[in-house]
């Protein structure tokens, strides 16, 4: 149940990012659900490999290159899906930052909610 609630909230967060920032566009809640799923899948499967491969650059930039990796994951999800669009790399960077902030709030809230139960 926790995973489904988190998925629905992340889809809503993606809609919020699309409303707040004009460089990100989401066609519908169904598209947001698909985009949240694909972003989660990319972050689970591809992101660790990219972090490992770019470790020297990440160390040289004191971790700031991780923002670039997050933007690439966000942009890759937009390129795979039809109802989810990102205007460019800059929009992907800002959109991924906003989405990450929402995700941190959602994670903290769901952990608190399901910790009590």
N, C-alpha and C. Protein backbone atom coordinates (compact mmCIF):
# COMPACT_ATOMS: atom_id res chain seq x y z
N UNK A 1 0.83 -1.20 0.00
CA UNK A 1 0.00 0.00 0.00
C UNK A 1 0.87 1.26 0.00
N UNK A 2 1.97 1.19 0.74
CA UNK A 2 2.86 2.35 0.84
C UNK A 2 3.43 2.72 -0.53
N UNK A 3 3.78 1.72 -1.33
CA UNK A 3 4.36 1.97 -2.66
C UNK A 3 3.34 2.64 -3.58
N UNK A 4 2.10 2.20 -3.51
CA UNK A 4 1.05 2.78 -4.36
C UNK A 4 0.77 4.21 -3.97
N UNK A 5 0.69 4.47 -2.67
CA UNK A 5 0.46 5.85 -2.20
C UNK A 5 1.62 6.75 -2.62
N UNK A 6 2.84 6.26 -2.47
CA UNK A 6 4.01 7.05 -2.86
C UNK A 6 4.00 7.31 -4.36
N UNK A 7 3.64 6.31 -5.16
CA UNK A 7 3.57 6.47 -6.61
C UNK A 7 2.54 7.52 -7.00
N UNK A 8 1.36 7.48 -6.39
CA UNK A 8 0.31 8.46 -6.68
C UNK A 8 0.75 9.87 -6.28
N UNK A 9 1.41 9.98 -5.13
CA UNK A 9 1.89 11.29 -4.68
C UNK A 9 3.00 11.83 -5.58
N UNK A 10 3.87 10.95 -6.05
CA UNK A 10 4.93 11.39 -6.97
C UNK A 10 4.35 11.83 -8.31
N UNK A 11 3.30 11.17 -8.76
CA UNK A 11 2.63 11.61 -9.99
C UNK A 11 2.00 12.99 -9.78
N UNK A 12 1.39 13.20 -8.62
CA UNK A 12 0.83 14.51 -8.31
C UNK A 12 1.94 15.56 -8.22
N UNK A 13 3.09 15.18 -7.68
CA UNK A 13 4.23 16.10 -7.61
C UNK A 13 4.71 16.47 -9.00
N UNK A 14 4.68 15.53 -9.91
CA UNK A 14 5.08 15.82 -11.29
C UNK A 14 4.10 16.80 -11.94
N UNK A 15 2.83 16.66 -11.64
CA UNK A 15 1.85 17.63 -12.13
C UNK A 15 2.10 19.00 -11.52
N UNK A 16 2.49 19.03 -10.25
CA UNK A 16 2.81 20.29 -9.59
C UNK A 16 4.02 20.96 -10.24
N UNK A 17 5.04 20.18 -10.53
CA UNK A 17 6.22 20.72 -11.20
C UNK A 17 5.84 21.29 -12.56
N UNK A 18 4.97 20.62 -13.28
CA UNK A 18 4.52 21.10 -14.58
C UNK A 18 3.73 22.40 -14.46
N UNK A 19 2.99 22.55 -13.36
CA UNK A 19 2.24 23.79 -13.15
C UNK A 19 3.14 24.95 -12.74
N UNK A 20 4.15 24.65 -11.94
CA UNK A 20 5.03 25.69 -11.41
C UNK A 20 6.06 26.13 -12.44
N UNK A 21 6.62 25.20 -13.18
CA UNK A 21 7.70 25.51 -14.11
C UNK A 21 7.24 25.27 -15.55
N UNK A 22 7.28 26.28 -16.40
CA UNK A 22 6.76 26.14 -17.77
C UNK A 22 7.61 25.27 -18.70
N UNK A 23 8.83 24.91 -18.32
CA UNK A 23 9.66 24.08 -19.17
C UNK A 23 9.29 22.61 -19.14
N UNK A 24 8.42 22.23 -18.20
CA UNK A 24 7.98 20.84 -18.05
C UNK A 24 6.49 20.79 -18.35
N UNK A 25 6.08 19.84 -19.18
CA UNK A 25 4.67 19.70 -19.54
C UNK A 25 4.22 18.26 -19.33
N UNK A 26 3.07 18.11 -18.68
CA UNK A 26 2.46 16.80 -18.46
C UNK A 26 1.03 16.88 -18.98
N UNK A 27 0.64 15.96 -19.85
CA UNK A 27 -0.66 16.02 -20.51
C UNK A 27 -1.81 15.68 -19.56
N UNK A 28 -1.66 14.66 -18.72
CA UNK A 28 -2.75 14.23 -17.86
C UNK A 28 -2.19 13.51 -16.64
N UNK A 29 -3.09 13.16 -15.73
CA UNK A 29 -2.64 12.43 -14.55
C UNK A 29 -2.14 11.04 -14.93
N UNK A 30 -2.74 10.44 -15.95
CA UNK A 30 -2.28 9.14 -16.43
C UNK A 30 -0.85 9.24 -16.97
N UNK A 31 -0.58 10.31 -17.70
CA UNK A 31 0.78 10.53 -18.18
C UNK A 31 1.74 10.76 -17.02
N UNK A 32 1.26 11.45 -15.99
CA UNK A 32 2.10 11.68 -14.81
C UNK A 32 2.39 10.37 -14.08
N UNK A 33 1.41 9.47 -14.02
CA UNK A 33 1.63 8.16 -13.41
C UNK A 33 2.70 7.38 -14.18
N UNK A 34 2.60 7.40 -15.49
CA UNK A 34 3.59 6.71 -16.32
C UNK A 34 4.96 7.34 -16.18
N UNK A 35 5.01 8.66 -16.15
CA UNK A 35 6.29 9.35 -16.03
C UNK A 35 6.92 9.08 -14.67
N UNK A 36 6.12 9.09 -13.61
CA UNK A 36 6.66 8.79 -12.28
C UNK A 36 7.20 7.37 -12.23
N UNK A 37 6.52 6.45 -12.89
CA UNK A 37 6.99 5.07 -12.94
C UNK A 37 8.32 4.95 -13.69
N UNK A 38 8.39 5.60 -14.86
CA UNK A 38 9.61 5.52 -15.68
C UNK A 38 10.78 6.22 -14.98
N UNK A 39 10.53 7.36 -14.35
CA UNK A 39 11.59 8.06 -13.61
C UNK A 39 12.09 7.17 -12.48
N UNK A 40 11.17 6.55 -11.76
CA UNK A 40 11.57 5.64 -10.69
C UNK A 40 12.36 4.45 -11.21
N UNK A 41 11.94 3.92 -12.34
CA UNK A 41 12.64 2.78 -12.95
C UNK A 41 14.04 3.18 -13.40
N UNK A 42 14.17 4.33 -14.04
CA UNK A 42 15.48 4.81 -14.47
C UNK A 42 16.39 5.09 -13.28
N UNK A 43 15.81 5.69 -12.24
CA UNK A 43 16.61 5.98 -11.05
C UNK A 43 17.05 4.71 -10.34
N UNK A 44 16.28 3.65 -10.45
CA UNK A 44 16.64 2.39 -9.81
C UNK A 44 17.66 1.59 -10.62
N UNK A 45 17.50 1.57 -11.94
CA UNK A 45 18.32 0.72 -12.78
C UNK A 45 19.53 1.41 -13.41
N UNK A 46 19.35 2.61 -13.93
CA UNK A 46 20.39 3.26 -14.72
C UNK A 46 21.24 4.22 -13.88
N UNK A 47 20.61 4.94 -12.97
CA UNK A 47 21.32 5.96 -12.20
C UNK A 47 22.52 5.42 -11.42
N UNK A 48 22.41 4.27 -10.73
CA UNK A 48 23.59 3.78 -10.01
C UNK A 48 24.78 3.50 -10.93
N UNK A 49 24.51 3.00 -12.11
CA UNK A 49 25.58 2.75 -13.07
C UNK A 49 26.24 4.06 -13.52
N UNK A 50 25.41 5.08 -13.79
CA UNK A 50 25.95 6.37 -14.19
C UNK A 50 26.75 7.02 -13.07
N UNK A 51 26.27 6.88 -11.84
CA UNK A 51 27.00 7.44 -10.70
C UNK A 51 28.36 6.76 -10.57
N UNK A 52 28.39 5.48 -10.74
CA UNK A 52 29.65 4.74 -10.64
C UNK A 52 30.62 5.11 -11.77
N UNK A 53 30.10 5.22 -12.98
CA UNK A 53 30.96 5.55 -14.12
C UNK A 53 31.49 6.98 -14.07
N UNK A 54 30.73 7.88 -13.48
CA UNK A 54 31.14 9.29 -13.43
C UNK A 54 31.68 9.68 -12.06
N UNK A 55 32.10 8.72 -11.28
CA UNK A 55 32.59 9.00 -9.93
C UNK A 55 33.76 9.99 -9.92
N UNK A 56 34.75 9.88 -10.80
CA UNK A 56 35.84 10.88 -10.77
C UNK A 56 35.34 12.32 -11.00
N UNK A 57 34.42 12.48 -11.96
CA UNK A 57 33.88 13.82 -12.23
C UNK A 57 33.06 14.30 -11.04
N UNK A 58 32.31 13.40 -10.44
CA UNK A 58 31.50 13.76 -9.28
C UNK A 58 32.39 14.19 -8.12
N UNK A 59 33.49 13.52 -7.92
CA UNK A 59 34.41 13.91 -6.85
C UNK A 59 35.07 15.25 -7.15
N UNK A 60 35.45 15.47 -8.41
CA UNK A 60 36.07 16.75 -8.77
C UNK A 60 35.12 17.93 -8.60
N UNK A 61 33.84 17.70 -8.85
CA UNK A 61 32.85 18.78 -8.72
C UNK A 61 32.20 18.80 -7.34
N UNK A 62 32.75 18.03 -6.42
CA UNK A 62 32.23 17.95 -5.05
C UNK A 62 30.76 17.55 -5.00
N UNK A 63 30.37 16.65 -5.90
CA UNK A 63 29.02 16.11 -5.89
C UNK A 63 28.03 16.86 -6.75
N UNK A 64 28.42 17.99 -7.30
CA UNK A 64 27.48 18.77 -8.11
C UNK A 64 27.10 18.07 -9.42
N UNK A 65 27.95 17.16 -9.89
CA UNK A 65 27.64 16.45 -11.12
C UNK A 65 26.42 15.53 -10.94
N UNK A 66 26.07 15.20 -9.70
CA UNK A 66 24.87 14.39 -9.46
C UNK A 66 23.61 15.11 -9.93
N UNK A 67 23.63 16.45 -9.90
CA UNK A 67 22.50 17.21 -10.44
C UNK A 67 22.36 16.97 -11.94
N UNK A 68 23.47 16.87 -12.62
CA UNK A 68 23.46 16.60 -14.06
C UNK A 68 22.89 15.20 -14.32
N UNK A 69 23.28 14.24 -13.51
CA UNK A 69 22.77 12.87 -13.67
C UNK A 69 21.26 12.84 -13.43
N UNK A 70 20.79 13.55 -12.39
CA UNK A 70 19.35 13.62 -12.14
C UNK A 70 18.61 14.25 -13.31
N UNK A 71 19.19 15.32 -13.88
CA UNK A 71 18.56 15.97 -15.03
C UNK A 71 18.53 15.03 -16.23
N UNK A 72 19.59 14.25 -16.42
CA UNK A 72 19.61 13.29 -17.53
C UNK A 72 18.54 12.22 -17.36
N UNK A 73 18.32 11.76 -16.14
CA UNK A 73 17.26 10.76 -15.90
C UNK A 73 15.88 11.36 -16.18
N UNK A 74 15.69 12.60 -15.76
CA UNK A 74 14.42 13.31 -15.99
C UNK A 74 14.19 13.51 -17.49
N UNK A 75 15.24 13.92 -18.18
CA UNK A 75 15.16 14.15 -19.62
C UNK A 75 14.96 12.85 -20.38
N UNK A 76 15.60 11.78 -19.94
CA UNK A 76 15.43 10.48 -20.60
C UNK A 76 14.00 9.98 -20.45
N UNK A 77 13.41 10.18 -19.29
CA UNK A 77 12.01 9.77 -19.10
C UNK A 77 11.09 10.57 -20.02
N UNK A 78 11.38 11.84 -20.20
CA UNK A 78 10.55 12.67 -21.08
C UNK A 78 10.71 12.26 -22.54
N UNK A 79 11.89 11.79 -22.91
CA UNK A 79 12.09 11.38 -24.30
C UNK A 79 11.44 10.04 -24.62
N UNK A 80 11.19 9.23 -23.60
CA UNK A 80 10.58 7.92 -23.81
C UNK A 80 9.05 8.01 -23.86
N UNK A 81 8.48 8.94 -23.12
CA UNK A 81 7.03 9.01 -22.97
C UNK A 81 6.41 10.06 -23.88
N UNK A 82 5.14 9.85 -24.22
CA UNK A 82 4.43 10.80 -25.09
C UNK A 82 3.80 11.96 -24.33
N UNK A 83 3.17 11.72 -23.20
CA UNK A 83 2.45 12.77 -22.49
C UNK A 83 3.30 13.58 -21.53
N UNK A 84 4.60 13.40 -21.57
CA UNK A 84 5.52 14.08 -20.66
C UNK A 84 6.62 14.70 -21.51
N UNK A 85 6.78 16.03 -21.41
CA UNK A 85 7.76 16.72 -22.26
C UNK A 85 8.58 17.69 -21.44
N UNK A 86 9.85 17.81 -21.81
CA UNK A 86 10.78 18.75 -21.18
C UNK A 86 11.38 19.58 -22.30
N UNK A 87 11.44 20.90 -22.11
CA UNK A 87 11.86 21.82 -23.16
C UNK A 87 13.33 21.69 -23.54
N UNK A 88 14.19 21.30 -22.63
CA UNK A 88 15.61 21.18 -22.92
C UNK A 88 16.34 20.74 -21.67
N UNK A 89 17.68 20.76 -21.74
CA UNK A 89 18.45 20.30 -20.59
C UNK A 89 18.29 21.22 -19.39
N UNK A 90 18.24 22.52 -19.63
CA UNK A 90 18.03 23.47 -18.52
C UNK A 90 16.69 23.24 -17.83
N UNK A 91 15.68 22.99 -18.62
CA UNK A 91 14.36 22.69 -18.06
C UNK A 91 14.38 21.36 -17.32
N UNK A 92 15.14 20.40 -17.83
CA UNK A 92 15.26 19.12 -17.15
C UNK A 92 15.98 19.29 -15.81
N UNK A 93 16.98 20.16 -15.77
CA UNK A 93 17.71 20.41 -14.53
C UNK A 93 16.81 21.04 -13.48
N UNK A 94 16.10 22.08 -13.85
CA UNK A 94 15.19 22.75 -12.90
C UNK A 94 14.05 21.82 -12.52
N UNK A 95 13.48 21.12 -13.50
CA UNK A 95 12.38 20.19 -13.22
C UNK A 95 12.81 19.07 -12.31
N UNK A 96 14.00 18.54 -12.51
CA UNK A 96 14.48 17.45 -11.65
C UNK A 96 14.76 17.95 -10.24
N UNK A 97 15.23 19.17 -10.10
CA UNK A 97 15.44 19.73 -8.76
C UNK A 97 14.11 19.90 -8.02
N UNK A 98 13.12 20.44 -8.71
CA UNK A 98 11.80 20.61 -8.08
C UNK A 98 11.18 19.25 -7.74
N UNK A 99 11.30 18.31 -8.66
CA UNK A 99 10.75 16.97 -8.45
C UNK A 99 11.46 16.27 -7.29
N UNK A 100 12.77 16.47 -7.18
CA UNK A 100 13.53 15.87 -6.08
C UNK A 100 13.12 16.45 -4.73
N UNK A 101 12.89 17.75 -4.70
CA UNK A 101 12.42 18.38 -3.46
C UNK A 101 11.06 17.83 -3.04
N UNK A 102 10.16 17.72 -4.01
CA UNK A 102 8.84 17.13 -3.73
C UNK A 102 8.99 15.69 -3.26
N UNK A 103 9.87 14.96 -3.89
CA UNK A 103 10.09 13.56 -3.54
C UNK A 103 10.60 13.42 -2.10
N UNK A 104 11.49 14.31 -1.70
CA UNK A 104 12.00 14.25 -0.32
C UNK A 104 10.88 14.51 0.68
N UNK A 105 10.02 15.47 0.39
CA UNK A 105 8.88 15.75 1.28
C UNK A 105 7.93 14.57 1.33
N UNK A 106 7.66 13.98 0.17
CA UNK A 106 6.76 12.82 0.10
C UNK A 106 7.34 11.64 0.85
N UNK A 107 8.64 11.39 0.69
CA UNK A 107 9.29 10.28 1.40
C UNK A 107 9.20 10.47 2.91
N UNK A 108 9.46 11.68 3.38
CA UNK A 108 9.40 11.96 4.82
C UNK A 108 7.98 11.79 5.34
N UNK A 109 7.01 12.26 4.57
CA UNK A 109 5.61 12.15 5.00
C UNK A 109 5.13 10.71 5.02
N UNK A 110 5.47 9.94 4.00
CA UNK A 110 5.01 8.55 3.96
C UNK A 110 5.71 7.71 5.03
N UNK A 111 6.98 8.00 5.29
CA UNK A 111 7.67 7.27 6.36
C UNK A 111 7.02 7.54 7.71
N UNK A 112 6.67 8.79 7.95
CA UNK A 112 6.00 9.13 9.21
C UNK A 112 4.62 8.51 9.30
N UNK A 113 3.89 8.56 8.19
CA UNK A 113 2.53 8.03 8.18
C UNK A 113 2.51 6.53 8.40
N UNK A 114 3.39 5.81 7.70
CA UNK A 114 3.38 4.36 7.80
C UNK A 114 4.20 3.83 8.97
N UNK A 115 4.95 4.70 9.61
CA UNK A 115 5.67 4.28 10.82
C UNK A 115 4.71 4.10 11.97
N UNK A 116 3.70 4.93 12.02
CA UNK A 116 2.69 4.87 13.09
C UNK A 116 1.80 3.63 12.94
N UNK A 117 1.52 3.27 11.71
CA UNK A 117 0.56 2.18 11.47
C UNK A 117 1.15 0.82 11.74
